[in-house]
Amino acid sequence: MTVKEALEAGLTDLEVSDNLITKVMLDNEVDGTVNYAKDDHQEAVDICRRDIYLILASSPEIREGSFAIRYSAGQLIALAKAINRKYGLEEATVSGVSKW
């Protein structure tokens, strides 16, 4: 099993294009062609999965003709936050006073 296949295996309940998977892996500098080894690649695969969750949460409904897919944005964000907690990553926050 390759790293890309391991990532895809964790996304079986979601409609995710191959292009999105490839882009997220490239953005995270993950080589999807190497053989997957849990000890070496689990964190990178989880981080890619987190990014895909956040991208899907930003547009939780996809329509193409009479075909539609709807995701729970809240659930996807919760999954992404769980991955952040698992690896001790900080979540992006916005603070300060609005100038408007």
C-alpha atoms as a PDB file:
ATOM      1  CA  MET A   1       0.000   0.000   0.000  1.00  0.00           C
ATOM      2  CA  THR A   2       1.320   3.438  -0.895  1.00  0.00           C
ATOM      3  CA  VAL A   3       1.008   6.550   1.258  1.00  0.00           C
ATOM      4  CA  LYS A   4      -1.620   7.915  -1.145  1.00  0.00           C
ATOM      5  CA  GLU A   5      -3.649   4.707  -0.874  1.00  0.00           C
ATOM      6  CA  ALA A   6      -3.439   4.933   2.927  1.00  0.00           C
ATOM      7  CA  LEU A   7      -4.830   8.471   2.760  1.00  0.00           C
ATOM      8  CA  GLU A   8      -7.615   7.386   0.404  1.00  0.00           C
ATOM      9  CA  ALA A   9      -8.493   4.500   2.735  1.00  0.00           C
ATOM     10  CA  GLY A  10      -9.188   7.021   5.496  1.00  0.00           C
ATOM     11  CA  LEU A  11     -11.562   8.978   3.269  1.00  0.00           C
ATOM     12  CA  THR A  12     -13.848   6.204   2.042  1.00  0.00           C
ATOM     13  CA  ASP A  13     -17.021   7.879   3.349  1.00  0.00           C
ATOM     14  CA  LEU A  14     -16.279  11.113   1.492  1.00  0.00           C
ATOM     15  CA  GLU A  15     -16.388  12.064  -2.186  1.00  0.00           C
ATOM     16  CA  VAL A  16     -12.880  13.432  -2.703  1.00  0.00           C
ATOM     17  CA  SER A  17     -11.366  13.964  -6.134  1.00  0.00           C
ATOM     18  CA  ASP A  18      -7.995  12.520  -6.982  1.00  0.00           C
ATOM     19  CA  ASN A  19      -6.835  16.054  -7.840  1.00  0.00           C
ATOM     20  CA  LEU A  20      -7.681  17.322  -4.351  1.00  0.00           C
ATOM     21  CA  ILE A  21      -5.845  14.425  -2.718  1.00  0.00           C
ATOM     22  CA  THR A  22      -2.803  15.029  -4.920  1.00  0.00           C
ATOM     23  CA  LYS A  23      -2.824  18.793  -4.250  1.00  0.00           C
ATOM     24  CA  VAL A  24      -3.075  18.384  -0.489  1.00  0.00           C
ATOM     25  CA  MET A  25      -0.234  15.861  -0.528  1.00  0.00           C
ATOM     26  CA  LEU A  26       1.932  18.210  -2.610  1.00  0.00           C
ATOM     27  CA  ASP A  27       1.090  21.165  -0.336  1.00  0.00           C
ATOM     28  CA  ASN A  28       2.234  19.096   2.649  1.00  0.00           C
ATOM     29  CA  GLU A  29       5.295  17.766   0.803  1.00  0.00           C
ATOM     30  CA  VAL A  30       4.100  14.164   1.154  1.00  0.00           C
ATOM     31  CA  ASP A  31       5.284  11.625  -1.422  1.00  0.00           C
ATOM     32  CA  GLY A  32       2.264   9.488  -2.140  1.00  0.00           C
ATOM     33  CA  THR A  33       4.196   6.937  -4.199  1.00  0.00           C
ATOM     34  CA  VAL A  34       6.304   5.463  -1.398  1.00  0.00           C
ATOM     35  CA  ASN A  35       5.225   2.376   0.540  1.00  0.00           C
ATOM     36  CA  TYR A  36       3.204   3.244   3.624  1.00  0.00           C
ATOM     37  CA  ALA A  37       4.683   2.440   7.015  1.00  0.00           C
ATOM     38  CA  LYS A  38       2.586   3.528   9.997  1.00  0.00           C
ATOM     39  CA  ASP A  39       5.553   4.615  12.119  1.00  0.00           C
ATOM     40  CA  ASP A  40       6.952   6.758   9.312  1.00  0.00           C
ATOM     41  CA  HIS A  41       3.843   8.130   7.620  1.00  0.00           C
ATOM     42  CA  GLN A  42       0.830   8.153   9.963  1.00  0.00           C
ATOM     43  CA  GLU A  43       1.217  11.783  11.037  1.00  0.00           C
ATOM     44  CA  ALA A  44       1.672  13.039   7.463  1.00  0.00           C
ATOM     45  CA  VAL A  45      -1.392  11.089   6.311  1.00  0.00           C
ATOM     46  CA  ASP A  46      -3.435  12.454   9.231  1.00  0.00           C
ATOM     47  CA  ILE A  47      -2.360  16.035   8.472  1.00  0.00           C
ATOM     48  CA  CYS A  48      -3.409  15.599   4.835  1.00  0.00           C
ATOM     49  CA  ARG A  49      -6.726  14.145   5.994  1.00  0.00           C
ATOM     50  CA  ARG A  50      -7.211  17.130   8.311  1.00  0.00           C
ATOM     51  CA  ASP A  51      -6.626  19.542   5.437  1.00  0.00           C
ATOM     52  CA  ILE A  52      -9.138  17.696   3.256  1.00  0.00           C
ATOM     53  CA  TYR A  53     -11.714  17.845   6.074  1.00  0.00           C
ATOM     54  CA  LEU A  54     -11.240  21.617   6.326  1.00  0.00           C
ATOM     55  CA  ILE A  55     -11.509  22.104   2.560  1.00  0.00           C
ATOM     56  CA  LEU A  56     -14.727  20.078   2.440  1.00  0.00           C
ATOM     57  CA  ALA A  57     -16.093  21.979   5.456  1.00  0.00           C
ATOM     58  CA  SER A  58     -15.616  25.270   3.606  1.00  0.00           C
ATOM     59  CA  SER A  59     -18.173  24.179   0.988  1.00  0.00           C
ATOM     60  CA  PRO A  60     -20.215  21.385   2.569  1.00  0.00           C
ATOM     61  CA  GLU A  61     -22.643  20.995  -0.335  1.00  0.00           C
ATOM     62  CA  ILE A  62     -21.625  19.975  -3.830  1.00  0.00           C
ATOM     63  CA  ARG A  63     -24.136  19.953  -6.684  1.00  0.00           C
ATOM     64  CA  GLU A  64     -23.735  18.743 -10.210  1.00  0.00           C
ATOM     65  CA  GLY A  65     -26.989  18.585 -12.117  1.00  0.00           C
ATOM     66  CA  SER A  66     -29.451  16.522 -10.111  1.00  0.00           C
ATOM     67  CA  PHE A  67     -26.618  14.958  -8.087  1.00  0.00           C
ATOM     68  CA  ALA A  68     -25.857  16.489  -4.682  1.00  0.00           C
ATOM     69  CA  ILE A  69     -23.563  15.667  -1.783  1.00  0.00           C
ATOM     70  CA  ARG A  70     -23.914  17.370   1.592  1.00  0.00           C
ATOM     71  CA  TYR A  71     -21.456  17.094   4.474  1.00  0.00           C
ATOM     72  CA  SER A  72     -21.784  18.235   8.057  1.00  0.00           C
ATOM     73  CA  ALA A  73     -19.320  21.121   8.258  1.00  0.00           C
ATOM     74  CA  GLY A  74     -19.363  20.928  12.056  1.00  0.00           C
ATOM     75  CA  GLN A  75     -18.472  17.250  12.041  1.00  0.00           C
ATOM     76  CA  LEU A  76     -15.643  17.758   9.534  1.00  0.00           C
ATOM     77  CA  ILE A  77     -14.217  20.606  11.621  1.00  0.00           C
ATOM     78  CA  ALA A  78     -14.465  18.447  14.764  1.00  0.00           C
ATOM     79  CA  LEU A  79     -12.503  15.677  13.003  1.00  0.00           C
ATOM     80  CA  ALA A  80      -9.859  18.199  11.930  1.00  0.00           C
ATOM     81  CA  LYS A  81      -9.572  19.548  15.486  1.00  0.00           C
ATOM     82  CA  ALA A  82      -9.176  16.008  16.821  1.00  0.00           C
ATOM     83  CA  ILE A  83      -6.188  15.504  14.523  1.00  0.00           C
ATOM     84  CA  ASN A  84      -4.690  18.800  15.720  1.00  0.00           C
ATOM     85  CA  ARG A  85      -5.062  17.687  19.339  1.00  0.00           C
ATOM     86  CA  LYS A  86      -3.581  14.266  18.577  1.00  0.00           C
ATOM     87  CA  TYR A  87      -0.346  15.870  17.395  1.00  0.00           C
ATOM     88  CA  GLY A  88      -0.349  18.917  19.677  1.00  0.00           C
ATOM     89  CA  LEU A  89      -0.863  21.344  16.800  1.00  0.00           C
ATOM     90  CA  GLU A  90      -2.238  24.781  17.419  1.00  0.00           C
ATOM     91  CA  GLU A  91      -5.431  25.814  15.750  1.00  0.00           C
ATOM     92  CA  ALA A  92      -5.562  29.009  13.754  1.00  0.00           C
ATOM     93  CA  THR A  93      -7.336  31.765  15.623  1.00  0.00           C
ATOM     94  CA  VAL A  94      -8.229  35.340  14.872  1.00  0.00           C
ATOM     95  CA  SER A  95      -7.840  37.956  17.552  1.00  0.00           C
ATOM     96  CA  GLY A  96      -7.771  41.688  17.749  1.00  0.00           C
ATOM     97  CA  VAL A  97     -10.203  44.514  17.245  1.00  0.00           C
ATOM     98  CA  SER A  98     -12.060  44.902  13.993  1.00  0.00           C
ATOM     99  CA  LYS A  99     -11.281  48.150  12.225  1.00  0.00           C
ATOM    100  CA  TRP A 100     -14.896  48.388  11.041  1.00  0.00           C
END
